[in-house]
């Protein structure tokens, strides 16, 4: 069982930046994938970005070039640096941890992009 706690969400103006953090604790195996998903009102949850413990990354096309995922394996942390934010980035952002067939979700953090 892995527990995930996100932080860093909030209200930001269009064009602004935010950095999300996620701390993982529990039974963490060295080979895993950590990432971020988001869910806007009335829409399905979607992948934003993920990163393997070996450093391979995967981004949604809508955020490529604006968002950067990173992780600190020693601290079991994953981060999402979000730049050039747009109103359509407004959503609840969830941290995700996957090892083999098992996965955990964080509780989510709200990101609102509005003037």
PDB file of N, CA and C in Angstrom:
ATOM      1  N   UNK A   1       0.848  -1.193   0.000  1.00  0.00           N
ATOM      2  CA  UNK A   1       0.000   0.000   0.000  1.00  0.00           C
ATOM      3  C   UNK A   1       0.880   1.237   0.000  1.00  0.00           C
ATOM      4  N   UNK A   2       0.591   2.135  -0.942  1.00  0.00           N
ATOM      5  CA  UNK A   2       1.337   3.384  -1.052  1.00  0.00           C
ATOM      6  C   UNK A   2       0.380   4.544  -0.823  1.00  0.00           C
ATOM      7  N   UNK A   3       0.772   5.458   0.017  1.00  0.00           N
ATOM      8  CA  UNK A   3      -0.021   6.659   0.263  1.00  0.00           C
ATOM      9  C   UNK A   3       0.616   7.833  -0.468  1.00  0.00           C
ATOM     10  N   UNK A   4      -0.231   8.679  -1.032  1.00  0.00           N
ATOM     11  CA  UNK A   4       0.225   9.833  -1.804  1.00  0.00           C
ATOM     12  C   UNK A   4      -0.440  11.091  -1.259  1.00  0.00           C
ATOM     13  N   UNK A   5       0.360  12.131  -1.095  1.00  0.00           N
ATOM     14  CA  UNK A   5      -0.161  13.412  -0.619  1.00  0.00           C
ATOM     15  C   UNK A   5       0.325  14.508  -1.549  1.00  0.00           C
ATOM     16  N   UNK A   6      -0.646  15.193  -2.190  1.00  0.00           N
ATOM     17  CA  UNK A   6      -0.310  16.276  -3.115  1.00  0.00           C
ATOM     18  C   UNK A   6      -0.352  17.619  -2.392  1.00  0.00           C
ATOM     19  N   UNK A   7       0.369  18.579  -2.955  1.00  0.00           N
ATOM     20  CA  UNK A   7       0.316  19.954  -2.483  1.00  0.00           C
ATOM     21  C   UNK A   7       0.703  20.879  -3.625  1.00  0.00           C
ATOM     22  N   UNK A   8       0.372  22.162  -3.470  1.00  0.00           N
ATOM     23  CA  UNK A   8       0.822  23.150  -4.433  1.00  0.00           C
ATOM     24  C   UNK A   8      -0.244  23.704  -5.352  1.00  0.00           C
ATOM     25  N   UNK A   9      -1.465  23.225  -5.277  1.00  0.00           N
ATOM     26  CA  UNK A   9      -2.508  23.771  -6.122  1.00  0.00           C
ATOM     27  C   UNK A   9      -2.926  25.154  -5.670  1.00  0.00           C
ATOM     28  N   UNK A  10      -3.810  25.776  -6.461  1.00  0.00           N
ATOM     29  CA  UNK A  10      -4.293  27.094  -6.099  1.00  0.00           C
ATOM     30  C   UNK A  10      -4.872  27.828  -7.284  1.00  0.00           C
ATOM     31  N   UNK A  11      -5.061  29.130  -7.093  1.00  0.00           N
ATOM     32  CA  UNK A  11      -5.610  30.003  -8.130  1.00  0.00           C
ATOM     33  C   UNK A  11      -4.479  30.795  -8.760  1.00  0.00           C
ATOM     34  N   UNK A  12      -4.444  30.814 -10.079  1.00  0.00           N
ATOM     35  CA  UNK A  12      -3.395  31.535 -10.794  1.00  0.00           C
ATOM     36  C   UNK A  12      -4.005  32.178 -12.033  1.00  0.00           C
ATOM     37  N   UNK A  13      -3.444  33.294 -12.444  1.00  0.00           N
ATOM     38  CA  UNK A  13      -3.918  33.976 -13.642  1.00  0.00           C
ATOM     39  C   UNK A  13      -3.389  33.277 -14.899  1.00  0.00           C
ATOM     40  N   UNK A  14      -4.090  33.429 -16.006  1.00  0.00           N
ATOM     41  CA  UNK A  14      -3.584  32.873 -17.271  1.00  0.00           C
ATOM     42  C   UNK A  14      -2.175  33.381 -17.558  1.00  0.00           C
ATOM     43  N   UNK A  15      -1.336  32.459 -18.012  1.00  0.00           N
ATOM     44  CA  UNK A  15       0.058  32.793 -18.255  1.00  0.00           C
ATOM     45  C   UNK A  15       0.957  32.580 -17.057  1.00  0.00           C
ATOM     46  N   UNK A  16       0.372  32.315 -15.910  1.00  0.00           N
ATOM     47  CA  UNK A  16       1.147  32.126 -14.687  1.00  0.00           C
ATOM     48  C   UNK A  16       1.688  30.723 -14.544  1.00  0.00           C
ATOM     49  N   UNK A  17       2.315  30.478 -13.393  1.00  0.00           N
ATOM     50  CA  UNK A  17       2.964  29.196 -13.123  1.00  0.00           C
ATOM     51  C   UNK A  17       2.552  28.671 -11.758  1.00  0.00           C
ATOM     52  N   UNK A  18       2.585  27.360 -11.651  1.00  0.00           N
ATOM     53  CA  UNK A  18       2.392  26.679 -10.378  1.00  0.00           C
ATOM     54  C   UNK A  18       3.283  25.449 -10.374  1.00  0.00           C
ATOM     55  N   UNK A  19       3.640  25.012  -9.169  1.00  0.00           N
ATOM     56  CA  UNK A  19       4.400  23.777  -9.026  1.00  0.00           C
ATOM     57  C   UNK A  19       3.668  22.856  -8.065  1.00  0.00           C
ATOM     58  N   UNK A  20       3.331  21.675  -8.543  1.00  0.00           N
ATOM     59  CA  UNK A  20       2.690  20.671  -7.709  1.00  0.00           C
ATOM     60  C   UNK A  20       3.739  19.697  -7.183  1.00  0.00           C
ATOM     61  N   UNK A  21       3.508  19.238  -5.967  1.00  0.00           N
ATOM     62  CA  UNK A  21       4.384  18.240  -5.358  1.00  0.00           C
ATOM     63  C   UNK A  21       3.553  17.068  -4.869  1.00  0.00           C
ATOM     64  N   UNK A  22       4.154  15.901  -4.870  1.00  0.00           N
ATOM     65  CA  UNK A  22       3.480  14.701  -4.369  1.00  0.00           C
ATOM     66  C   UNK A  22       4.497  13.873  -3.604  1.00  0.00           C
ATOM     67  N   UNK A  23       4.143  13.554  -2.373  1.00  0.00           N
ATOM     68  CA  UNK A  23       5.000  12.731  -1.529  1.00  0.00           C
ATOM     69  C   UNK A  23       4.401  11.338  -1.414  1.00  0.00           C
ATOM     70  N   UNK A  24       5.219  10.327  -1.672  1.00  0.00           N
ATOM     71  CA  UNK A  24       4.786   8.932  -1.578  1.00  0.00           C
ATOM     72  C   UNK A  24       5.387   8.298  -0.334  1.00  0.00           C
ATOM     73  N   UNK A  25       4.600   7.474   0.324  1.00  0.00           N
ATOM     74  CA  UNK A  25       5.088   6.742   1.489  1.00  0.00           C
ATOM     75  C   UNK A  25       4.443   5.361   1.507  1.00  0.00           C
ATOM     76  N   UNK A  26       5.097   4.427   2.206  1.00  0.00           N
ATOM     77  CA  UNK A  26       4.564   3.073   2.288  1.00  0.00           C
ATOM     78  C   UNK A  26       5.481   2.083   1.611  1.00  0.00           C
ATOM     79  N   UNK A  27       4.882   1.069   0.995  1.00  0.00           N
ATOM     80  CA  UNK A  27       5.644  -0.015   0.379  1.00  0.00           C
ATOM     81  C   UNK A  27       6.035   0.371  -1.051  1.00  0.00           C
ATOM     82  N   UNK A  28       7.169   1.047  -1.165  1.00  0.00           N
ATOM     83  CA  UNK A  28       7.604   1.584  -2.458  1.00  0.00           C
ATOM     84  C   UNK A  28       8.720   0.728  -3.012  1.00  0.00           C
ATOM     85  N   UNK A  29       8.456   0.107  -4.153  1.00  0.00           N
ATOM     86  CA  UNK A  29       9.478  -0.660  -4.830  1.00  0.00           C
ATOM     87  C   UNK A  29      10.266   0.258  -5.754  1.00  0.00           C
ATOM     88  N   UNK A  30      11.501  -0.114  -6.024  1.00  0.00           N
ATOM     89  CA  UNK A  30      12.382   0.788  -6.758  1.00  0.00           C
ATOM     90  C   UNK A  30      11.938   1.003  -8.196  1.00  0.00           C
ATOM     91  N   UNK A  31      11.314   0.009  -8.826  1.00  0.00           N
ATOM     92  CA  UNK A  31      10.888   0.152 -10.209  1.00  0.00           C
ATOM     93  C   UNK A  31       9.413   0.525 -10.232  1.00  0.00           C
ATOM     94  N   UNK A  32       9.117   1.774 -10.582  1.00  0.00           N
ATOM     95  CA  UNK A  32       7.729   2.239 -10.534  1.00  0.00           C
ATOM     96  C   UNK A  32       7.535   3.393 -11.499  1.00  0.00           C
ATOM     97  N   UNK A  33       6.311   3.802 -11.622  1.00  0.00           N
ATOM     98  CA  UNK A  33       5.955   4.966 -12.433  1.00  0.00           C
ATOM     99  C   UNK A  33       5.179   5.922 -11.538  1.00  0.00           C
ATOM    100  N   UNK A  34       5.568   7.177 -11.547  1.00  0.00           N
ATOM    101  CA  UNK A  34       4.820   8.216 -10.829  1.00  0.00           C
ATOM    102  C   UNK A  34       4.384   9.265 -11.833  1.00  0.00           C
ATOM    103  N   UNK A  35       3.222   9.796 -11.613  1.00  0.00           N
ATOM    104  CA  UNK A  35       2.726  10.754 -12.584  1.00  0.00           C
ATOM    105  C   UNK A  35       1.578  11.597 -12.075  1.00  0.00           C
ATOM    106  N   UNK A  36       1.057  12.385 -12.987  1.00  0.00           N
ATOM    107  CA  UNK A  36      -0.039  13.309 -12.692  1.00  0.00           C
ATOM    108  C   UNK A  36      -1.167  13.112 -13.698  1.00  0.00           C
ATOM    109  N   UNK A  37      -2.368  13.074 -13.177  1.00  0.00           N
ATOM    110  CA  UNK A  37      -3.583  13.063 -13.976  1.00  0.00           C
ATOM    111  C   UNK A  37      -4.412  14.278 -13.566  1.00  0.00           C
ATOM    112  N   UNK A  38      -5.380  14.617 -14.392  1.00  0.00           N
ATOM    113  CA  UNK A  38      -6.284  15.695 -14.023  1.00  0.00           C
ATOM    114  C   UNK A  38      -7.697  15.383 -14.476  1.00  0.00           C
ATOM    115  N   UNK A  39      -8.641  15.989 -13.770  1.00  0.00           N
ATOM    116  CA  UNK A  39     -10.040  15.804 -14.118  1.00  0.00           C
ATOM    117  C   UNK A  39     -10.760  17.134 -13.989  1.00  0.00           C
ATOM    118  N   UNK A  40     -11.252  17.616 -15.112  1.00  0.00           N
ATOM    119  CA  UNK A  40     -12.039  18.849 -15.137  1.00  0.00           C
ATOM    120  C   UNK A  40     -13.514  18.494 -14.958  1.00  0.00           C
ATOM    121  N   UNK A  41     -14.322  19.452 -14.507  1.00  0.00           N
ATOM    122  CA  UNK A  41     -15.756  19.172 -14.312  1.00  0.00           C
ATOM    123  C   UNK A  41     -16.403  18.648 -15.587  1.00  0.00           C
ATOM    124  N   UNK A  42     -17.120  17.542 -15.464  1.00  0.00           N
ATOM    125  CA  UNK A  42     -17.825  16.970 -16.595  1.00  0.00           C
ATOM    126  C   UNK A  42     -16.963  16.209 -17.578  1.00  0.00           C
ATOM    127  N   UNK A  43     -15.686  16.045 -17.254  1.00  0.00           N
ATOM    128  CA  UNK A  43     -14.776  15.351 -18.161  1.00  0.00           C
ATOM    129  C   UNK A  43     -14.144  14.148 -17.475  1.00  0.00           C
ATOM    130  N   UNK A  44     -13.598  13.256 -18.293  1.00  0.00           N
ATOM    131  CA  UNK A  44     -12.915  12.093 -17.746  1.00  0.00           C
ATOM    132  C   UNK A  44     -11.534  12.470 -17.235  1.00  0.00           C
ATOM    133  N   UNK A  45     -11.058  11.673 -16.291  1.00  0.00           N
ATOM    134  CA  UNK A  45      -9.695  11.867 -15.812  1.00  0.00           C
ATOM    135  C   UNK A  45      -8.729  11.522 -16.937  1.00  0.00           C
ATOM    136  N   UNK A  46      -7.695  12.366 -17.088  1.00  0.00           N
ATOM    137  CA  UNK A  46      -6.747  12.166 -18.186  1.00  0.00           C
ATOM    138  C   UNK A  46      -5.313  12.272 -17.688  1.00  0.00           C
ATOM    139  N   UNK A  47      -4.441  11.589 -18.373  1.00  0.00           N
ATOM    140  CA  UNK A  47      -3.019  11.667 -18.064  1.00  0.00           C
ATOM    141  C   UNK A  47      -2.487  13.045 -18.437  1.00  0.00           C
ATOM    142  N   UNK A  48      -1.710  13.623 -17.536  1.00  0.00           N
ATOM    143  CA  UNK A  48      -0.997  14.867 -17.823  1.00  0.00           C
ATOM    144  C   UNK A  48       0.453  14.531 -18.164  1.00  0.00           C
ATOM    145  N   UNK A  49       1.115  13.829 -17.264  1.00  0.00           N
ATOM    146  CA  UNK A  49       2.501  13.427 -17.486  1.00  0.00           C
ATOM    147  C   UNK A  49       2.857  12.331 -16.507  1.00  0.00           C
ATOM    148  N   UNK A  50       3.755  11.451 -16.919  1.00  0.00           N
ATOM    149  CA  UNK A  50       4.287  10.488 -15.974  1.00  0.00           C
ATOM    150  C   UNK A  50       5.765  10.244 -16.234  1.00  0.00           C
ATOM    151  N   UNK A  51       6.393   9.600 -15.268  1.00  0.00           N
ATOM    152  CA  UNK A  51       7.845   9.427 -15.325  1.00  0.00           C
ATOM    153  C   UNK A  51       8.198   8.134 -14.623  1.00  0.00           C
ATOM    154  N   UNK A  52       8.984   7.283 -15.275  1.00  0.00           N
ATOM    155  CA  UNK A  52       9.440   6.055 -14.648  1.00  0.00           C
ATOM    156  C   UNK A  52      10.568   6.357 -13.662  1.00  0.00           C
ATOM    157  N   UNK A  53      10.832   5.405 -12.813  1.00  0.00           N
ATOM    158  CA  UNK A  53      11.938   5.566 -11.870  1.00  0.00           C
ATOM    159  C   UNK A  53      13.271   5.637 -12.597  1.00  0.00           C
ATOM    160  N   UNK A  54      13.297   5.172 -13.864  1.00  0.00           N
ATOM    161  CA  UNK A  54      14.509   5.262 -14.659  1.00  0.00           C
ATOM    162  C   UNK A  54      14.651   6.572 -15.407  1.00  0.00           C
ATOM    163  N   UNK A  55      13.607   7.410 -15.374  1.00  0.00           N
ATOM    164  CA  UNK A  55      13.721   8.737 -15.958  1.00  0.00           C
ATOM    165  C   UNK A  55      12.985   8.949 -17.282  1.00  0.00           C
ATOM    166  N   UNK A  56      12.326   7.939 -17.798  1.00  0.00           N
ATOM    167  CA  UNK A  56      11.562   8.123 -19.034  1.00  0.00           C
ATOM    168  C   UNK A  56      10.277   8.879 -18.742  1.00  0.00           C
ATOM    169  N   UNK A  57       9.951   9.813 -19.645  1.00  0.00           N
ATOM    170  CA  UNK A  57       8.780  10.659 -19.433  1.00  0.00           C
ATOM    171  C   UNK A  57       7.760  10.494 -20.548  1.00  0.00           C
ATOM    172  N   UNK A  58       6.540  10.871 -20.220  1.00  0.00           N
ATOM    173  CA  UNK A  58       5.427  10.803 -21.165  1.00  0.00           C
ATOM    174  C   UNK A  58       4.525  11.986 -20.852  1.00  0.00           C
ATOM    175  N   UNK A  59       4.165  12.771 -21.874  1.00  0.00           N
ATOM    176  CA  UNK A  59       3.342  13.967 -21.679  1.00  0.00           C
ATOM    177  C   UNK A  59       2.111  13.926 -22.573  1.00  0.00           C
ATOM    178  N   UNK A  60       1.033  14.496 -22.069  1.00  0.00           N
ATOM    179  CA  UNK A  60      -0.119  14.744 -22.926  1.00  0.00           C
ATOM    180  C   UNK A  60       0.247  15.842 -23.922  1.00  0.00           C
ATOM    181  N   UNK A  61      -0.268  15.745 -25.118  1.00  0.00           N
ATOM    182  CA  UNK A  61       0.049  16.729 -26.132  1.00  0.00           C
ATOM    183  C   UNK A  61      -0.349  18.146 -25.746  1.00  0.00           C
ATOM    184  N   UNK A  62      -1.425  18.262 -24.972  1.00  0.00           N
ATOM    185  CA  UNK A  62      -1.933  19.587 -24.604  1.00  0.00           C
ATOM    186  C   UNK A  62      -1.017  20.333 -23.632  1.00  0.00           C
ATOM    187  N   UNK A  63      -0.104  19.627 -22.970  1.00  0.00           N
ATOM    188  CA  UNK A  63       0.768  20.280 -21.992  1.00  0.00           C
ATOM    189  C   UNK A  63       2.233  20.243 -22.407  1.00  0.00           C
ATOM    190  N   UNK A  64       2.531  19.541 -23.494  1.00  0.00           N
ATOM    191  CA  UNK A  64       3.923  19.385 -23.923  1.00  0.00           C
ATOM    192  C   UNK A  64       4.533  20.762 -24.195  1.00  0.00           C
ATOM    193  N   UNK A  65       5.702  20.983 -23.614  1.00  0.00           N
ATOM    194  CA  UNK A  65       6.388  22.259 -23.782  1.00  0.00           C
ATOM    195  C   UNK A  65       6.028  23.300 -22.744  1.00  0.00           C
ATOM    196  N   UNK A  66       4.959  23.056 -21.985  1.00  0.00           N
ATOM    197  CA  UNK A  66       4.556  23.986 -20.923  1.00  0.00           C
ATOM    198  C   UNK A  66       4.748  23.381 -19.527  1.00  0.00           C
ATOM    199  N   UNK A  67       4.535  22.100 -19.407  1.00  0.00           N
ATOM    200  CA  UNK A  67       4.646  21.405 -18.123  1.00  0.00           C
ATOM    201  C   UNK A  67       5.903  20.537 -18.130  1.00  0.00           C
ATOM    202  N   UNK A  68       6.509  20.406 -16.963  1.00  0.00           N
ATOM    203  CA  UNK A  68       7.676  19.551 -16.802  1.00  0.00           C
ATOM    204  C   UNK A  68       7.507  18.689 -15.566  1.00  0.00           C
ATOM    205  N   UNK A  69       7.637  17.379 -15.747  1.00  0.00           N
ATOM    206  CA  UNK A  69       7.573  16.463 -14.620  1.00  0.00           C
ATOM    207  C   UNK A  69       8.985  16.111 -14.186  1.00  0.00           C
ATOM    208  N   UNK A  70       9.170  15.981 -12.883  1.00  0.00           N
ATOM    209  CA  UNK A  70      10.465  15.571 -12.352  1.00  0.00           C
ATOM    210  C   UNK A  70      10.216  14.767 -11.082  1.00  0.00           C
ATOM    211  N   UNK A  71      11.232  14.069 -10.643  1.00  0.00           N
ATOM    212  CA  UNK A  71      11.081  13.283  -9.432  1.00  0.00           C
ATOM    213  C   UNK A  71      12.397  13.182  -8.694  1.00  0.00           C
ATOM    214  N   UNK A  72      12.273  12.938  -7.400  1.00  0.00           N
ATOM    215  CA  UNK A  72      13.421  12.715  -6.537  1.00  0.00           C
ATOM    216  C   UNK A  72      13.222  11.330  -5.939  1.00  0.00           C
ATOM    217  N   UNK A  73      13.902  10.350  -6.500  1.00  0.00           N
ATOM    218  CA  UNK A  73      13.691   8.962  -6.068  1.00  0.00           C
ATOM    219  C   UNK A  73      14.123   8.746  -4.617  1.00  0.00           C
ATOM    220  N   UNK A  74      15.141   9.453  -4.188  1.00  0.00           N
ATOM    221  CA  UNK A  74      15.618   9.282  -2.811  1.00  0.00           C
ATOM    222  C   UNK A  74      14.571   9.735  -1.801  1.00  0.00           C
ATOM    223  N   UNK A  75      13.775  10.736  -2.199  1.00  0.00           N
ATOM    224  CA  UNK A  75      12.750  11.281  -1.300  1.00  0.00           C
ATOM    225  C   UNK A  75      11.355  10.770  -1.631  1.00  0.00           C
ATOM    226  N   UNK A  76      11.242   9.934  -2.670  1.00  0.00           N
ATOM    227  CA  UNK A  76       9.934   9.436  -3.112  1.00  0.00           C
ATOM    228  C   UNK A  76       8.975  10.587  -3.407  1.00  0.00           C
ATOM    229  N   UNK A  77       9.480  11.563  -4.146  1.00  0.00           N
ATOM    230  CA  UNK A  77       8.688  12.740  -4.503  1.00  0.00           C
ATOM    231  C   UNK A  77       8.572  12.842  -6.019  1.00  0.00           C
ATOM    232  N   UNK A  78       7.443  13.375  -6.468  1.00  0.00           N
ATOM    233  CA  UNK A  78       7.284  13.720  -7.872  1.00  0.00           C
ATOM    234  C   UNK A  78       6.717  15.131  -7.939  1.00  0.00           C
ATOM    235  N   UNK A  79       7.149  15.878  -8.950  1.00  0.00           N
ATOM    236  CA  UNK A  79       6.774  17.286  -9.083  1.00  0.00           C
ATOM    237  C   UNK A  79       6.210  17.532 -10.479  1.00  0.00           C
ATOM    238  N   UNK A  80       5.391  18.561 -10.566  1.00  0.00           N
ATOM    239  CA  UNK A  80       4.895  19.000 -11.862  1.00  0.00           C
ATOM    240  C   UNK A  80       5.015  20.519 -11.915  1.00  0.00           C
ATOM    241  N   UNK A  81       5.946  20.993 -12.707  1.00  0.00           N
ATOM    242  CA  UNK A  81       6.100  22.429 -12.932  1.00  0.00           C
ATOM    243  C   UNK A  81       5.207  22.819 -14.096  1.00  0.00           C
ATOM    244  N   UNK A  82       4.273  23.713 -13.835  1.00  0.00           N
ATOM    245  CA  UNK A  82       3.296  24.110 -14.847  1.00  0.00           C
ATOM    246  C   UNK A  82       3.509  25.581 -15.187  1.00  0.00           C
ATOM    247  N   UNK A  83       3.885  25.850 -16.416  1.00  0.00           N
ATOM    248  CA  UNK A  83       4.109  27.210 -16.897  1.00  0.00           C
ATOM    249  C   UNK A  83       3.098  27.554 -17.984  1.00  0.00           C
ATOM    250  N   UNK A  84       2.973  28.830 -18.256  1.00  0.00           N
ATOM    251  CA  UNK A  84       2.060  29.305 -19.314  1.00  0.00           C
ATOM    252  C   UNK A  84       0.676  28.689 -19.157  1.00  0.00           C
ATOM    253  N   UNK A  85       0.161  28.744 -17.954  1.00  0.00           N
ATOM    254  CA  UNK A  85      -1.118  28.107 -17.663  1.00  0.00           C
ATOM    255  C   UNK A  85      -2.257  28.777 -18.412  1.00  0.00           C
ATOM    256  N   UNK A  86      -3.208  27.945 -18.807  1.00  0.00           N
ATOM    257  CA  UNK A  86      -4.376  28.389 -19.563  1.00  0.00           C
ATOM    258  C   UNK A  86      -5.649  28.051 -18.772  1.00  0.00           C
ATOM    259  N   UNK A  87      -6.730  28.753 -19.034  1.00  0.00           N
ATOM    260  CA  UNK A  87      -7.989  28.421 -18.338  1.00  0.00           C
ATOM    261  C   UNK A  87      -8.386  26.960 -18.507  1.00  0.00           C
ATOM    262  N   UNK A  88      -8.069  26.383 -19.655  1.00  0.00           N
ATOM    263  CA  UNK A  88      -8.430  24.980 -19.884  1.00  0.00           C
ATOM    264  C   UNK A  88      -7.585  24.002 -19.080  1.00  0.00           C
ATOM    265  N   UNK A  89      -6.578  24.484 -18.381  1.00  0.00           N
ATOM    266  CA  UNK A  89      -5.817  23.640 -17.465  1.00  0.00           C
ATOM    267  C   UNK A  89      -6.508  23.510 -16.105  1.00  0.00           C
ATOM    268  N   UNK A  90      -7.587  24.247 -15.914  1.00  0.00           N
ATOM    269  CA  UNK A  90      -8.322  24.173 -14.661  1.00  0.00           C
ATOM    270  C   UNK A  90      -8.872  22.772 -14.442  1.00  0.00           C
ATOM    271  N   UNK A  91      -8.546  22.179 -13.294  1.00  0.00           N
ATOM    272  CA  UNK A  91      -8.949  20.807 -12.995  1.00  0.00           C
ATOM    273  C   UNK A  91      -8.466  20.446 -11.597  1.00  0.00           C
ATOM    274  N   UNK A  92      -8.928  19.299 -11.132  1.00  0.00           N
ATOM    275  CA  UNK A  92      -8.328  18.680  -9.960  1.00  0.00           C
ATOM    276  C   UNK A  92      -7.199  17.796 -10.461  1.00  0.00           C
ATOM    277  N   UNK A  93      -6.022  17.996  -9.907  1.00  0.00           N
ATOM    278  CA  UNK A  93      -4.840  17.246 -10.318  1.00  0.00           C
ATOM    279  C   UNK A  93      -4.561  16.153  -9.287  1.00  0.00           C
ATOM    280  N   UNK A  94      -4.368  14.937  -9.792  1.00  0.00           N
ATOM    281  CA  UNK A  94      -4.156  13.777  -8.944  1.00  0.00           C
ATOM    282  C   UNK A  94      -2.773  13.177  -9.189  1.00  0.00           C
ATOM    283  N   UNK A  95      -2.122  12.829  -8.127  1.00  0.00           N
ATOM    284  CA  UNK A  95      -0.861  12.099  -8.201  1.00  0.00           C
ATOM    285  C   UNK A  95      -1.178  10.608  -8.338  1.00  0.00           C
ATOM    286  N   UNK A  96      -0.343   9.926  -9.101  1.00  0.00           N
ATOM    287  CA  UNK A  96      -0.549   8.510  -9.348  1.00  0.00           C
ATOM    288  C   UNK A  96       0.760   7.773  -9.176  1.00  0.00           C
ATOM    289  N   UNK A  97       0.688   6.609  -8.509  1.00  0.00           N
ATOM    290  CA  UNK A  97       1.856   5.760  -8.318  1.00  0.00           C
ATOM    291  C   UNK A  97       1.497   4.364  -8.815  1.00  0.00           C
ATOM    292  N   UNK A  98       2.343   3.797  -9.665  1.00  0.00           N
ATOM    293  CA  UNK A  98       2.073   2.473 -10.226  1.00  0.00           C
ATOM    294  C   UNK A  98       3.328   1.607 -10.129  1.00  0.00           C
ATOM    295  N   UNK A  99       3.125   0.372  -9.638  1.00  0.00           N
ATOM    296  CA  UNK A  99       4.189  -0.620  -9.678  1.00  0.00           C
ATOM    297  C   UNK A  99       3.547  -1.933 -10.104  1.00  0.00           C
ATOM    298  N   UNK A 100       3.978  -2.443 -11.249  1.00  0.00           N
ATOM    299  CA  UNK A 100       3.353  -3.631 -11.789  1.00  0.00           C
ATOM    300  C   UNK A 100       1.868  -3.403 -12.007  1.00  0.00           C
ATOM    301  N   UNK A 101       1.038  -4.337 -11.518  1.00  0.00           N
ATOM    302  CA  UNK A 101      -0.416  -4.186 -11.704  1.00  0.00           C
ATOM    303  C   UNK A 101      -1.094  -3.358 -10.625  1.00  0.00           C
ATOM    304  N   UNK A 102      -0.323  -2.805  -9.708  1.00  0.00           N
ATOM    305  CA  UNK A 102      -0.907  -2.087  -8.567  1.00  0.00           C
ATOM    306  C   UNK A 102      -0.708  -0.586  -8.699  1.00  0.00           C
ATOM    307  N   UNK A 103      -1.723   0.156  -8.264  1.00  0.00           N
ATOM    308  CA  UNK A 103      -1.631   1.603  -8.333  1.00  0.00           C
ATOM    309  C   UNK A 103      -2.320   2.274  -7.174  1.00  0.00           C
ATOM    310  N   UNK A 104      -1.897   3.497  -6.901  1.00  0.00           N
ATOM    311  CA  UNK A 104      -2.512   4.317  -5.852  1.00  0.00           C
ATOM    312  C   UNK A 104      -2.774   5.704  -6.394  1.00  0.00           C
ATOM    313  N   UNK A 105      -3.781   6.343  -5.828  1.00  0.00           N
ATOM    314  CA  UNK A 105      -4.120   7.724  -6.186  1.00  0.00           C
ATOM    315  C   UNK A 105      -3.994   8.616  -4.958  1.00  0.00           C
ATOM    316  N   UNK A 106      -3.601   9.865  -5.186  1.00  0.00           N
ATOM    317  CA  UNK A 106      -3.677  10.863  -4.142  1.00  0.00           C
ATOM    318  C   UNK A 106      -5.087  11.414  -4.045  1.00  0.00           C
ATOM    319  N   UNK A 107      -5.275  12.332  -3.105  1.00  0.00           N
ATOM    320  CA  UNK A 107      -6.607  12.863  -2.861  1.00  0.00           C
ATOM    321  C   UNK A 107      -6.968  13.982  -3.837  1.00  0.00           C
ATOM    322  N   UNK A 108      -5.986  14.504  -4.537  1.00  0.00           N
ATOM    323  CA  UNK A 108      -6.225  15.555  -5.516  1.00  0.00           C
ATOM    324  C   UNK A 108      -5.992  16.943  -4.960  1.00  0.00           C
ATOM    325  N   UNK A 109      -5.564  17.836  -5.844  1.00  0.00           N
ATOM    326  CA  UNK A 109      -5.383  19.239  -5.489  1.00  0.00           C
ATOM    327  C   UNK A 109      -5.956  20.096  -6.616  1.00  0.00           C
ATOM    328  N   UNK A 110      -6.717  21.120  -6.238  1.00  0.00           N
ATOM    329  CA  UNK A 110      -7.403  21.952  -7.230  1.00  0.00           C
ATOM    330  C   UNK A 110      -6.452  22.975  -7.831  1.00  0.00           C
ATOM    331  N   UNK A 111      -6.472  23.053  -9.145  1.00  0.00           N
ATOM    332  CA  UNK A 111      -5.760  24.102  -9.877  1.00  0.00           C
ATOM    333  C   UNK A 111      -6.806  24.886 -10.667  1.00  0.00           C
ATOM    334  N   UNK A 112      -6.864  26.179 -10.425  1.00  0.00           N
ATOM    335  CA  UNK A 112      -7.812  27.047 -11.118  1.00  0.00           C
ATOM    336  C   UNK A 112      -7.048  28.157 -11.819  1.00  0.00           C
ATOM    337  N   UNK A 113      -7.251  28.264 -13.126  1.00  0.00           N
ATOM    338  CA  UNK A 113      -6.591  29.289 -13.929  1.00  0.00           C
ATOM    339  C   UNK A 113      -7.662  30.269 -14.389  1.00  0.00           C
ATOM    340  N   UNK A 114      -7.619  31.455 -13.836  1.00  0.00           N
ATOM    341  CA  UNK A 114      -8.666  32.431 -14.116  1.00  0.00           C
ATOM    342  C   UNK A 114      -8.164  33.826 -13.820  1.00  0.00           C
ATOM    343  N   UNK A 115      -8.674  34.788 -14.588  1.00  0.00           N
ATOM    344  CA  UNK A 115      -8.344  36.192 -14.324  1.00  0.00           C
ATOM    345  C   UNK A 115      -9.396  36.827 -13.428  1.00  0.00           C
TER     346      UNK A 115
END
